[in-house]
Amino acid sequence: MQVLVRDNNIEQALRVLKKKLQREGVFREMKARRAYEKPSEKRAREKGEAVRRARKAARKLAQREGLIPGPKRKAPAARSRA
C-alpha cells in the first residue's frame, strides 16, 4: 500500500493511509487476531457475516425493483441569512 506525501503534509498523508487501511479491513483483522478464536466460533462468525451480506444484497435488490421503499432522504437544511 502506498500513500503520496505532497508538500510535506504528513497529517493529510496519515489520514489518507488510515482511510485506506480502514477500507481494506486491516484494523478489524488486527483486532480479531489479538486473541485466539476457536474454529467453531470462526465458522459461526463467518456464517453470520454471510447472512448479513445476503440480507443486505436482497434488501438493496428489492429497493431497486420498487418492492420496498428506499431509505428516507434527509431534507436539505434551510439556509439563514444573517
N, C-alpha and C. Protein backbone atom coordinates (compact mmCIF):
# COMPACT_ATOMS: atom_id res chain seq x y z
N MET A 1 0.85 -1.16 0.00
CA MET A 1 0.00 0.00 0.00
C MET A 1 0.90 1.23 0.00
N GLN A 2 0.49 2.24 -0.75
CA GLN A 2 1.35 3.40 -0.93
C GLN A 2 0.52 4.67 -0.82
N VAL A 3 1.09 5.66 -0.13
CA VAL A 3 0.44 6.96 0.01
C VAL A 3 1.47 8.03 -0.33
N LEU A 4 1.08 8.95 -1.19
CA LEU A 4 1.98 10.03 -1.56
C LEU A 4 1.88 11.17 -0.56
N VAL A 5 3.04 11.73 -0.19
CA VAL A 5 3.08 12.88 0.70
C VAL A 5 3.35 14.10 -0.17
N ARG A 6 2.40 15.03 -0.17
CA ARG A 6 2.53 16.22 -1.00
C ARG A 6 2.82 17.43 -0.13
N ASP A 7 3.76 18.23 -0.55
CA ASP A 7 4.14 19.47 0.15
C ASP A 7 4.44 19.23 1.62
N ASN A 8 5.08 18.12 1.92
CA ASN A 8 5.44 17.75 3.30
C ASN A 8 4.24 17.77 4.25
N ASN A 9 3.06 17.46 3.73
CA ASN A 9 1.85 17.45 4.54
C ASN A 9 1.63 16.03 5.08
N ILE A 10 2.29 15.76 6.20
CA ILE A 10 2.25 14.43 6.81
C ILE A 10 0.86 14.11 7.35
N GLU A 11 0.19 15.10 7.93
CA GLU A 11 -1.12 14.87 8.54
C GLU A 11 -2.12 14.37 7.49
N GLN A 12 -2.13 15.00 6.33
CA GLN A 12 -3.06 14.58 5.27
C GLN A 12 -2.71 13.18 4.79
N ALA A 13 -1.41 12.89 4.64
CA ALA A 13 -0.99 11.57 4.19
C ALA A 13 -1.41 10.50 5.19
N LEU A 14 -1.29 10.80 6.49
CA LEU A 14 -1.71 9.84 7.52
C LEU A 14 -3.21 9.60 7.46
N ARG A 15 -4.00 10.66 7.24
CA ARG A 15 -5.44 10.49 7.12
C ARG A 15 -5.80 9.60 5.94
N VAL A 16 -5.11 9.82 4.81
CA VAL A 16 -5.37 9.01 3.62
C VAL A 16 -4.99 7.55 3.88
N LEU A 17 -3.84 7.33 4.52
CA LEU A 17 -3.39 5.98 4.83
C LEU A 17 -4.37 5.28 5.76
N LYS A 18 -4.83 6.00 6.79
CA LYS A 18 -5.77 5.42 7.74
C LYS A 18 -7.06 5.02 7.06
N LYS A 19 -7.54 5.87 6.14
CA LYS A 19 -8.77 5.57 5.42
C LYS A 19 -8.59 4.33 4.54
N LYS A 20 -7.43 4.22 3.88
CA LYS A 20 -7.16 3.04 3.04
C LYS A 20 -7.12 1.77 3.88
N LEU A 21 -6.45 1.83 5.03
CA LEU A 21 -6.36 0.67 5.91
C LEU A 21 -7.75 0.28 6.42
N GLN A 22 -8.57 1.28 6.72
CA GLN A 22 -9.93 1.01 7.19
C GLN A 22 -10.73 0.27 6.12
N ARG A 23 -10.63 0.76 4.87
CA ARG A 23 -11.38 0.14 3.77
C ARG A 23 -10.93 -1.29 3.53
N GLU A 24 -9.63 -1.55 3.68
CA GLU A 24 -9.11 -2.90 3.45
C GLU A 24 -9.43 -3.85 4.60
N GLY A 25 -9.85 -3.33 5.74
CA GLY A 25 -10.21 -4.18 6.87
C GLY A 25 -9.02 -4.58 7.72
N VAL A 26 -7.92 -3.83 7.63
CA VAL A 26 -6.72 -4.18 8.38
C VAL A 26 -6.95 -4.01 9.87
N PHE A 27 -7.62 -2.93 10.27
CA PHE A 27 -7.86 -2.71 11.70
C PHE A 27 -8.74 -3.80 12.29
N ARG A 28 -9.77 -4.21 11.55
CA ARG A 28 -10.66 -5.27 12.02
C ARG A 28 -9.88 -6.57 12.18
N GLU A 29 -9.01 -6.84 11.23
CA GLU A 29 -8.20 -8.07 11.28
C GLU A 29 -7.25 -8.05 12.47
N MET A 30 -6.63 -6.90 12.72
CA MET A 30 -5.70 -6.80 13.85
C MET A 30 -6.45 -7.04 15.16
N LYS A 31 -7.64 -6.47 15.27
CA LYS A 31 -8.43 -6.64 16.49
C LYS A 31 -8.81 -8.11 16.66
N ALA A 32 -9.18 -8.77 15.56
CA ALA A 32 -9.59 -10.17 15.64
C ALA A 32 -8.42 -11.08 16.02
N ARG A 33 -7.22 -10.72 15.62
CA ARG A 33 -6.05 -11.56 15.89
C ARG A 33 -5.42 -11.34 17.26
N ARG A 34 -5.96 -10.42 18.04
CA ARG A 34 -5.40 -10.18 19.37
C ARG A 34 -5.54 -11.40 20.26
N ALA A 35 -6.63 -12.13 20.08
CA ALA A 35 -6.88 -13.31 20.91
C ALA A 35 -7.24 -14.48 19.99
N TYR A 36 -7.02 -15.68 20.48
CA TYR A 36 -7.31 -16.88 19.69
C TYR A 36 -8.82 -17.02 19.51
N GLU A 37 -9.20 -17.39 18.31
CA GLU A 37 -10.60 -17.63 18.01
C GLU A 37 -10.76 -19.11 17.68
N LYS A 38 -11.62 -19.79 18.43
CA LYS A 38 -11.83 -21.21 18.18
C LYS A 38 -12.42 -21.41 16.79
N PRO A 39 -12.07 -22.54 16.14
CA PRO A 39 -12.61 -22.79 14.80
C PRO A 39 -14.13 -22.76 14.74
N SER A 40 -14.79 -23.26 15.78
CA SER A 40 -16.26 -23.25 15.77
C SER A 40 -16.79 -21.82 15.85
N GLU A 41 -16.12 -20.97 16.65
CA GLU A 41 -16.53 -19.56 16.74
C GLU A 41 -16.28 -18.84 15.42
N LYS A 42 -15.17 -19.19 14.77
CA LYS A 42 -14.85 -18.58 13.48
C LYS A 42 -15.90 -18.93 12.43
N ARG A 43 -16.30 -20.21 12.40
CA ARG A 43 -17.34 -20.63 11.45
C ARG A 43 -18.65 -19.90 11.71
N ALA A 44 -19.01 -19.80 12.99
CA ALA A 44 -20.27 -19.12 13.34
C ALA A 44 -20.21 -17.65 12.95
N ARG A 45 -19.08 -16.99 13.20
CA ARG A 45 -18.94 -15.58 12.85
C ARG A 45 -19.02 -15.39 11.35
N GLU A 46 -18.29 -16.22 10.60
CA GLU A 46 -18.29 -16.09 9.15
C GLU A 46 -19.67 -16.37 8.56
N LYS A 47 -20.39 -17.34 9.14
CA LYS A 47 -21.74 -17.63 8.66
C LYS A 47 -22.66 -16.45 8.93
N GLY A 48 -22.53 -15.84 10.10
CA GLY A 48 -23.34 -14.67 10.43
C GLY A 48 -23.05 -13.51 9.49
N GLU A 49 -21.77 -13.31 9.16
CA GLU A 49 -21.39 -12.24 8.23
C GLU A 49 -21.98 -12.50 6.85
N ALA A 50 -21.97 -13.77 6.42
CA ALA A 50 -22.52 -14.12 5.11
C ALA A 50 -24.02 -13.88 5.08
N VAL A 51 -24.70 -14.21 6.17
CA VAL A 51 -26.15 -13.99 6.25
C VAL A 51 -26.45 -12.50 6.16
N ARG A 52 -25.67 -11.69 6.88
CA ARG A 52 -25.89 -10.24 6.84
C ARG A 52 -25.66 -9.68 5.44
N ARG A 53 -24.61 -10.16 4.77
CA ARG A 53 -24.33 -9.70 3.41
C ARG A 53 -25.46 -10.08 2.46
N ALA A 54 -25.97 -11.32 2.60
CA ALA A 54 -27.05 -11.79 1.72
C ALA A 54 -28.32 -10.98 1.96
N ARG A 55 -28.64 -10.70 3.24
CA ARG A 55 -29.83 -9.91 3.55
C ARG A 55 -29.71 -8.50 3.00
N LYS A 56 -28.51 -7.92 3.13
CA LYS A 56 -28.30 -6.56 2.63
C LYS A 56 -28.45 -6.53 1.11
N ALA A 57 -27.89 -7.53 0.42
CA ALA A 57 -28.00 -7.58 -1.04
C ALA A 57 -29.46 -7.75 -1.46
N ALA A 58 -30.21 -8.60 -0.75
CA ALA A 58 -31.62 -8.81 -1.09
C ALA A 58 -32.42 -7.54 -0.84
N ARG A 59 -32.10 -6.84 0.25
CA ARG A 59 -32.81 -5.59 0.55
C ARG A 59 -32.53 -4.54 -0.52
N LYS A 60 -31.27 -4.42 -0.94
CA LYS A 60 -30.91 -3.46 -1.99
C LYS A 60 -31.62 -3.80 -3.30
N LEU A 61 -31.67 -5.08 -3.64
CA LEU A 61 -32.33 -5.51 -4.87
C LEU A 61 -33.83 -5.19 -4.82
N ALA A 62 -34.45 -5.46 -3.67
CA ALA A 62 -35.88 -5.17 -3.52
C ALA A 62 -36.14 -3.68 -3.61
N GLN A 63 -35.24 -2.86 -3.08
CA GLN A 63 -35.41 -1.41 -3.18
C GLN A 63 -35.29 -0.96 -4.62
N ARG A 64 -34.32 -1.52 -5.36
CA ARG A 64 -34.13 -1.14 -6.75
C ARG A 64 -35.33 -1.52 -7.60
N GLU A 65 -35.96 -2.66 -7.26
CA GLU A 65 -37.12 -3.13 -8.03
C GLU A 65 -38.41 -2.47 -7.57
N GLY A 66 -38.36 -1.69 -6.50
CA GLY A 66 -39.53 -0.97 -6.04
C GLY A 66 -40.45 -1.80 -5.16
N LEU A 67 -39.99 -2.94 -4.69
CA LEU A 67 -40.84 -3.79 -3.84
C LEU A 67 -40.95 -3.23 -2.42
N ILE A 68 -39.89 -2.59 -1.97
CA ILE A 68 -39.91 -1.93 -0.66
C ILE A 68 -39.37 -0.52 -0.84
N PRO A 69 -39.81 0.42 0.01
CA PRO A 69 -39.32 1.79 -0.15
C PRO A 69 -37.85 1.90 0.21
N GLY A 70 -37.18 2.82 -0.45
CA GLY A 70 -35.76 3.04 -0.18
C GLY A 70 -35.56 3.79 1.13
N PRO A 71 -34.31 4.04 1.47
CA PRO A 71 -34.04 4.77 2.72
C PRO A 71 -34.57 6.20 2.62
N LYS A 72 -34.99 6.72 3.76
CA LYS A 72 -35.53 8.08 3.79
C LYS A 72 -34.38 9.06 3.57
N ARG A 73 -34.63 10.03 2.71
CA ARG A 73 -33.61 11.03 2.43
C ARG A 73 -33.81 12.23 3.35
N LYS A 74 -32.70 12.78 3.78
CA LYS A 74 -32.76 13.95 4.65
C LYS A 74 -33.06 15.18 3.81
N ALA A 75 -33.93 16.03 4.35
CA ALA A 75 -34.28 17.27 3.64
C ALA A 75 -33.09 18.21 3.73
N PRO A 76 -32.83 18.98 2.69
CA PRO A 76 -31.70 19.93 2.76
C PRO A 76 -31.96 20.98 3.83
N ALA A 77 -30.91 21.33 4.53
CA ALA A 77 -31.03 22.29 5.63
C ALA A 77 -31.34 23.67 5.07
N ALA A 78 -32.25 24.37 5.74
CA ALA A 78 -32.62 25.71 5.32
C ALA A 78 -31.51 26.68 5.67
N ARG A 79 -31.15 27.50 4.73
CA ARG A 79 -30.07 28.46 4.98
C ARG A 79 -30.65 29.75 5.55
N SER A 80 -30.05 30.24 6.59
CA SER A 80 -30.49 31.51 7.17
C SER A 80 -29.55 32.61 6.72
N ARG A 81 -30.12 33.74 6.45
CA ARG A 81 -29.30 34.88 6.00
C ARG A 81 -29.05 35.79 7.21
N ALA A 82 -27.84 35.71 7.72
CA ALA A 82 -27.52 36.50 8.91
C ALA A 82 -26.57 37.62 8.58
